[in-house]
Protein backbone atom coordinates (compact mmCIF):
# COMPACT_ATOMS: atom_id res chain seq x y z
CA MET A 1 -16.11 10.04 19.82
CA LEU A 2 -13.93 12.85 18.57
CA LEU A 3 -10.24 12.38 18.18
CA PRO A 4 -7.94 14.61 20.19
CA ARG A 5 -6.80 17.59 18.16
CA ASN A 6 -3.24 18.72 17.83
CA GLN A 7 -2.41 22.40 18.22
CA PHE A 8 -1.95 22.93 14.48
CA SER A 9 -5.21 21.34 13.30
CA GLU A 10 -8.05 23.26 11.78
CA GLY A 11 -11.12 21.69 10.22
CA PRO A 12 -11.98 17.98 10.28
CA PRO A 13 -9.53 15.45 11.77
CA SER A 14 -6.80 14.17 9.47
CA PHE A 15 -4.23 11.40 9.66
CA VAL A 16 -1.91 13.60 11.74
CA ASP A 17 -4.57 13.67 14.45
CA LEU A 18 -4.69 9.89 14.72
CA PRO A 19 -2.78 8.22 17.53
CA PRO A 20 -0.02 5.80 16.48
CA ARG A 21 -1.13 2.23 15.97
CA TRP A 22 -0.67 0.13 19.07
CA LEU A 23 -1.49 -3.53 18.95
CA PRO A 24 -0.77 -6.37 21.35
CA ASP A 25 1.94 -8.79 20.23
CA ALA A 26 -0.60 -11.46 19.24
CA SER A 27 -2.43 -8.99 16.99
CA LEU A 28 0.82 -7.77 15.45
CA HIS A 29 1.68 -11.38 14.67
CA LEU A 30 -1.71 -11.91 12.99
CA LEU A 31 -1.29 -8.69 11.02
CA GLN A 32 2.13 -9.85 9.81
CA GLN A 33 0.62 -13.18 8.78
CA LEU A 34 -2.15 -11.40 6.86
CA LYS A 35 0.34 -9.15 5.09
CA GLU A 36 2.58 -12.09 4.23
CA ALA A 37 -0.39 -14.05 2.86
CA LEU A 38 -1.34 -11.05 0.73
CA VAL A 39 2.21 -10.73 -0.58
CA GLN A 40 2.29 -14.42 -1.49
CA GLN A 41 -1.15 -14.36 -3.14
CA LEU A 42 -0.48 -11.19 -5.13
CA SER A 43 3.03 -12.34 -6.08
CA VAL A 44 1.50 -15.47 -7.62
CA GLU A 45 -1.19 -13.42 -9.35
CA PHE A 46 1.39 -11.04 -10.84
CA GLN A 47 4.12 -13.65 -11.34
CA GLY A 48 6.41 -12.64 -14.18
CA LEU A 49 4.92 -9.15 -14.21
CA LEU A 50 6.06 -7.70 -10.87
CA ASP A 51 8.96 -8.49 -8.60
CA GLU A 52 8.02 -9.67 -5.09
CA THR A 53 9.83 -6.64 -3.65
CA LEU A 54 7.43 -4.31 -5.47
CA VAL A 55 4.45 -6.38 -4.32
CA ARG A 56 5.68 -6.25 -0.71
CA ARG A 57 6.16 -2.48 -0.94
CA ALA A 58 2.62 -2.07 -2.31
CA VAL A 59 1.17 -4.18 0.52
CA ASN A 60 3.06 -2.07 3.08
CA GLU A 61 1.69 1.11 1.49
CA ALA A 62 -1.80 -0.39 1.60
CA ASP A 63 -1.32 -1.19 5.28
CA SER A 64 -0.38 2.44 5.91
CA LEU A 65 -3.58 3.55 4.21
CA ALA A 66 -5.73 0.91 5.89
CA VAL A 67 -4.73 2.22 9.33
CA LEU A 68 -6.55 5.44 8.48
CA THR A 69 -9.86 3.61 8.09
CA PRO A 70 -12.23 2.55 10.89
CA PHE A 71 -11.66 -1.16 10.08
CA PRO A 72 -8.04 -1.52 8.87
CA HIS A 73 -7.92 -5.32 8.67
CA LEU A 74 -11.16 -5.40 6.69
CA PHE A 75 -9.91 -2.93 4.07
CA LEU A 76 -6.31 -4.14 3.84
CA PRO A 77 -6.84 -6.91 1.23
CA ALA A 78 -8.75 -4.64 -1.17
CA LEU A 79 -6.31 -1.77 -0.70
CA ALA A 80 -3.37 -4.14 -1.25
CA ALA A 81 -4.86 -5.43 -4.51
CA GLU A 82 -5.45 -1.85 -5.69
CA LYS A 83 -1.91 -0.81 -4.76
CA VAL A 84 -0.38 -3.77 -6.61
CA GLN A 85 -2.47 -3.00 -9.70
CA GLU A 86 -1.42 0.64 -9.46
CA THR A 87 2.22 -0.47 -9.21
CA PHE A 88 1.78 -2.65 -12.30
CA ARG A 89 0.28 0.27 -14.26
CA TRP A 90 3.10 2.55 -13.07
CA LEU A 91 5.75 0.04 -14.15
CA ASN A 92 4.14 -0.33 -17.58
CA ARG A 93 4.00 3.45 -17.96
CA GLN A 94 7.67 3.75 -17.02
CA GLN A 95 8.62 1.04 -19.51
CA ASP A 96 6.61 2.78 -22.24
CA ILE A 97 8.36 6.09 -21.51
CA TRP A 98 11.74 4.33 -21.62
CA GLU A 99 10.98 2.67 -24.95
CA ARG A 100 9.81 5.95 -26.50
CA SER A 101 12.94 7.69 -25.21
CA VAL A 102 15.20 5.04 -26.75
CA THR A 103 13.30 5.35 -30.05
CA VAL A 104 13.76 9.14 -30.09
CA ILE A 105 17.45 8.89 -29.19
CA THR A 106 18.22 6.26 -31.85
CA ALA A 107 16.21 8.01 -34.59
């Protein structure tokens, strides 16, 4: 089944060609439970390393990416773990840049 094309599309379908996600209330509730469970699990795993707000943001970003796959709920946990790890690496990189900047300024 081909997705409907918008008037500006050329080439293969992209995320702009996808219809917005519509789920029944029961499914939305289950999705929220899954996301909350992921936030709790990853917050424990990265306790002391990442703030829960950053973990929640990473899980939301993963959810946005998962929607673009054929099986969003299947891919969400793996994408969430990757996003949290990416956030951790980003935070460490930012801290390293900050420390080097302070060293240069004070030298």
